[in-house]
Structures are given as C-alpha cells and as structure tokens.
C-alpha cells in the first residue's frame, strides 16, 4: 500500500490583499482546479502571523502531486491565486512546494 503524499506550500500574501480576497480566490482554486486533479484527497489552508499562509494538500501518490503542479502552470485560476502571493514564480508553480510521504499517523 502506498503512503499518502502531503504537499507543503508556504507563501506570504502580497501587501493590500485581505483575507476575504485570498479565501475567495482559494475557494475558486479548490473548486475549479484542485478538486478535479487525479489523486486529490483534501486540502487545508493555514494562516500564521505576518501574512504567512500554508496550503497543505493531500494526494494519493507523488506522481499525482507532481502532475497537478505541472497542470497548474497552464491554469488561469491557479495564476489568479498565485498573483496574491509575494515573490511567487508564476512560471514555476512548484517553486517553494515540498512533498512529504506520510509515514505514520496518530489520532
């Protein structure tokens, strides 16, 4: 059995972008892109202090996660979301994204 892959994508929100705008754009990303990707399980949006955020996405396989990153490069909904971030590389949606293999879960 393959272990779940967890995508860790931290980012900083650009100046002037409020939480409501980020969340609405994040919803569009979820509904129009991520939920339609092969192997997608679930996603969490985390907020820290000083405009620090993290998208945590759960995938069935590393291949599914990597393909979704490639697909994001040509997707206008993804581009709108990335525009809200500081120093996001719009030509490389995988920049700053790390994939981890889930080894053990305690609940």
C-alpha atoms as a PDB file:
ATOM      1  CA  UNK A   1       0.000   0.000   0.000  1.00  0.00           C
ATOM      2  CA  UNK A   2       1.325   3.443  -0.948  1.00  0.00           C
ATOM      3  CA  UNK A   3       1.585   6.138   1.654  1.00  0.00           C
ATOM      4  CA  UNK A   4      -0.263   9.416   1.195  1.00  0.00           C
ATOM      5  CA  UNK A   5       1.782  12.348  -0.111  1.00  0.00           C
ATOM      6  CA  UNK A   6       1.439  15.660   1.699  1.00  0.00           C
ATOM      7  CA  UNK A   7       2.228  18.828  -0.217  1.00  0.00           C
ATOM      8  CA  UNK A   8       3.529  21.728   1.907  1.00  0.00           C
ATOM      9  CA  UNK A   9       3.257  25.062   0.094  1.00  0.00           C
ATOM     10  CA  UNK A  10       4.061  28.059   2.315  1.00  0.00           C
ATOM     11  CA  UNK A  11       3.543  31.562   0.997  1.00  0.00           C
ATOM     12  CA  UNK A  12       3.289  35.193   2.036  1.00  0.00           C
ATOM     13  CA  UNK A  13       0.302  37.258   0.947  1.00  0.00           C
ATOM     14  CA  UNK A  14       1.100  40.406  -1.009  1.00  0.00           C
ATOM     15  CA  UNK A  15       0.500  43.803   0.606  1.00  0.00           C
ATOM     16  CA  UNK A  16      -3.048  45.017   0.191  1.00  0.00           C
ATOM     17  CA  UNK A  17      -4.581  41.540  -0.182  1.00  0.00           C
ATOM     18  CA  UNK A  18      -7.173  40.978   2.533  1.00  0.00           C
ATOM     19  CA  UNK A  19      -8.199  37.613   3.967  1.00  0.00           C
ATOM     20  CA  UNK A  20     -11.588  37.658   2.230  1.00  0.00           C
ATOM     21  CA  UNK A  21      -9.971  38.076  -1.202  1.00  0.00           C
ATOM     22  CA  UNK A  22      -7.436  35.335  -0.514  1.00  0.00           C
ATOM     23  CA  UNK A  23     -10.106  32.929   0.754  1.00  0.00           C
ATOM     24  CA  UNK A  24     -12.467  33.613  -2.174  1.00  0.00           C
ATOM     25  CA  UNK A  25      -9.654  33.045  -4.675  1.00  0.00           C
ATOM     26  CA  UNK A  26      -8.579  29.963  -2.728  1.00  0.00           C
ATOM     27  CA  UNK A  27     -12.155  28.618  -2.981  1.00  0.00           C
ATOM     28  CA  UNK A  28     -12.067  29.091  -6.761  1.00  0.00           C
ATOM     29  CA  UNK A  29      -8.726  27.244  -6.908  1.00  0.00           C
ATOM     30  CA  UNK A  30     -10.223  24.417  -4.886  1.00  0.00           C
ATOM     31  CA  UNK A  31     -13.470  24.101  -6.845  1.00  0.00           C
ATOM     32  CA  UNK A  32     -12.212  24.756 -10.365  1.00  0.00           C
ATOM     33  CA  UNK A  33      -8.780  23.127 -10.240  1.00  0.00           C
ATOM     34  CA  UNK A  34      -7.612  21.050  -7.265  1.00  0.00           C
ATOM     35  CA  UNK A  35     -10.778  19.022  -6.712  1.00  0.00           C
ATOM     36  CA  UNK A  36     -10.588  17.933 -10.372  1.00  0.00           C
ATOM     37  CA  UNK A  37      -6.997  16.675 -10.225  1.00  0.00           C
ATOM     38  CA  UNK A  38      -6.311  12.938 -10.251  1.00  0.00           C
ATOM     39  CA  UNK A  39      -5.339  11.653  -6.806  1.00  0.00           C
ATOM     40  CA  UNK A  40      -6.548  14.696  -4.859  1.00  0.00           C
ATOM     41  CA  UNK A  41      -7.716  13.774  -1.335  1.00  0.00           C
ATOM     42  CA  UNK A  42      -8.140  17.021   0.616  1.00  0.00           C
ATOM     43  CA  UNK A  43      -6.639  20.443   1.249  1.00  0.00           C
ATOM     44  CA  UNK A  44      -6.137  22.681   4.265  1.00  0.00           C
ATOM     45  CA  UNK A  45      -5.366  26.414   4.261  1.00  0.00           C
ATOM     46  CA  UNK A  46      -3.396  27.522   7.313  1.00  0.00           C
ATOM     47  CA  UNK A  47      -2.764  31.086   8.487  1.00  0.00           C
ATOM     48  CA  UNK A  48       0.105  32.228  10.677  1.00  0.00           C
ATOM     49  CA  UNK A  49       1.135  35.723  11.650  1.00  0.00           C
ATOM     50  CA  UNK A  50       2.536  38.477   9.417  1.00  0.00           C
ATOM     51  CA  UNK A  51       0.692  37.376   6.246  1.00  0.00           C
ATOM     52  CA  UNK A  52       2.203  33.875   6.421  1.00  0.00           C
ATOM     53  CA  UNK A  53      -0.005  31.111   4.978  1.00  0.00           C
ATOM     54  CA  UNK A  54       0.407  27.467   4.026  1.00  0.00           C
ATOM     55  CA  UNK A  55      -1.552  25.300   1.639  1.00  0.00           C
ATOM     56  CA  UNK A  56      -1.448  21.666   2.756  1.00  0.00           C
ATOM     57  CA  UNK A  57      -2.686  19.285   0.081  1.00  0.00           C
ATOM     58  CA  UNK A  58      -3.074  15.523   0.430  1.00  0.00           C
ATOM     59  CA  UNK A  59      -2.505  13.285  -2.609  1.00  0.00           C
ATOM     60  CA  UNK A  60      -2.790   9.569  -3.321  1.00  0.00           C
ATOM     61  CA  UNK A  61       0.684   9.442  -4.881  1.00  0.00           C
ATOM     62  CA  UNK A  62       3.778  11.500  -5.601  1.00  0.00           C
ATOM     63  CA  UNK A  63       3.012  11.153  -9.314  1.00  0.00           C
ATOM     64  CA  UNK A  64      -0.442  12.685  -8.818  1.00  0.00           C
ATOM     65  CA  UNK A  65       1.022  15.573  -6.817  1.00  0.00           C
ATOM     66  CA  UNK A  66       3.727  16.258  -9.401  1.00  0.00           C
ATOM     67  CA  UNK A  67       1.245  16.131 -12.285  1.00  0.00           C
ATOM     68  CA  UNK A  68      -1.038  18.626 -10.537  1.00  0.00           C
ATOM     69  CA  UNK A  69       1.905  21.026 -10.158  1.00  0.00           C
ATOM     70  CA  UNK A  70       2.577  20.709 -13.895  1.00  0.00           C
ATOM     71  CA  UNK A  71      -1.114  21.252 -14.690  1.00  0.00           C
ATOM     72  CA  UNK A  72      -1.158  24.398 -12.534  1.00  0.00           C
ATOM     73  CA  UNK A  73       1.338  26.066 -14.853  1.00  0.00           C
ATOM     74  CA  UNK A  74      -1.288  26.476 -17.586  1.00  0.00           C
ATOM     75  CA  UNK A  75      -4.334  27.118 -15.436  1.00  0.00           C
ATOM     76  CA  UNK A  76      -5.791  30.670 -15.209  1.00  0.00           C
ATOM     77  CA  UNK A  77      -7.444  30.007 -11.814  1.00  0.00           C
ATOM     78  CA  UNK A  78      -4.056  28.981 -10.412  1.00  0.00           C
ATOM     79  CA  UNK A  79      -2.458  32.100 -11.874  1.00  0.00           C
ATOM     80  CA  UNK A  80      -5.053  34.325 -10.157  1.00  0.00           C
ATOM     81  CA  UNK A  81      -4.271  32.646  -6.829  1.00  0.00           C
ATOM     82  CA  UNK A  82      -0.503  32.969  -7.327  1.00  0.00           C
ATOM     83  CA  UNK A  83      -0.908  36.692  -8.118  1.00  0.00           C
ATOM     84  CA  UNK A  84      -1.923  37.232  -4.479  1.00  0.00           C
ATOM     85  CA  UNK A  85       1.436  35.954  -3.229  1.00  0.00           C
ATOM     86  CA  UNK A  86       4.743  37.716  -2.691  1.00  0.00           C
ATOM     87  CA  UNK A  87       7.551  36.514  -4.949  1.00  0.00           C
ATOM     88  CA  UNK A  88       5.572  33.613  -6.400  1.00  0.00           C
ATOM     89  CA  UNK A  89       7.246  32.305  -9.551  1.00  0.00           C
ATOM     90  CA  UNK A  90       4.282  32.231 -11.910  1.00  0.00           C
ATOM     91  CA  UNK A  91       6.329  30.345 -14.494  1.00  0.00           C
ATOM     92  CA  UNK A  92       7.147  27.599 -11.989  1.00  0.00           C
ATOM     93  CA  UNK A  93       4.160  26.711  -9.777  1.00  0.00           C
ATOM     94  CA  UNK A  94       6.239  24.063  -7.992  1.00  0.00           C
ATOM     95  CA  UNK A  95       8.785  26.574  -6.682  1.00  0.00           C
ATOM     96  CA  UNK A  96       8.650  26.566  -2.888  1.00  0.00           C
ATOM     97  CA  UNK A  97       6.470  23.437  -2.778  1.00  0.00           C
ATOM     98  CA  UNK A  98       7.696  20.374  -0.892  1.00  0.00           C
ATOM     99  CA  UNK A  99       6.220  16.881  -0.936  1.00  0.00           C
ATOM    100  CA  UNK A 100       6.389  14.605   2.090  1.00  0.00           C
ATOM    101  CA  UNK A 101       5.491  10.948   2.357  1.00  0.00           C
ATOM    102  CA  UNK A 102       3.145  10.255   5.249  1.00  0.00           C
ATOM    103  CA  UNK A 103       4.789   7.531   7.315  1.00  0.00           C
ATOM    104  CA  UNK A 104       2.659   7.304  10.448  1.00  0.00           C
ATOM    105  CA  UNK A 105      -0.474   8.969  11.836  1.00  0.00           C
ATOM    106  CA  UNK A 106      -1.500   9.112  15.487  1.00  0.00           C
ATOM    107  CA  UNK A 107      -5.024  10.173  16.380  1.00  0.00           C
END
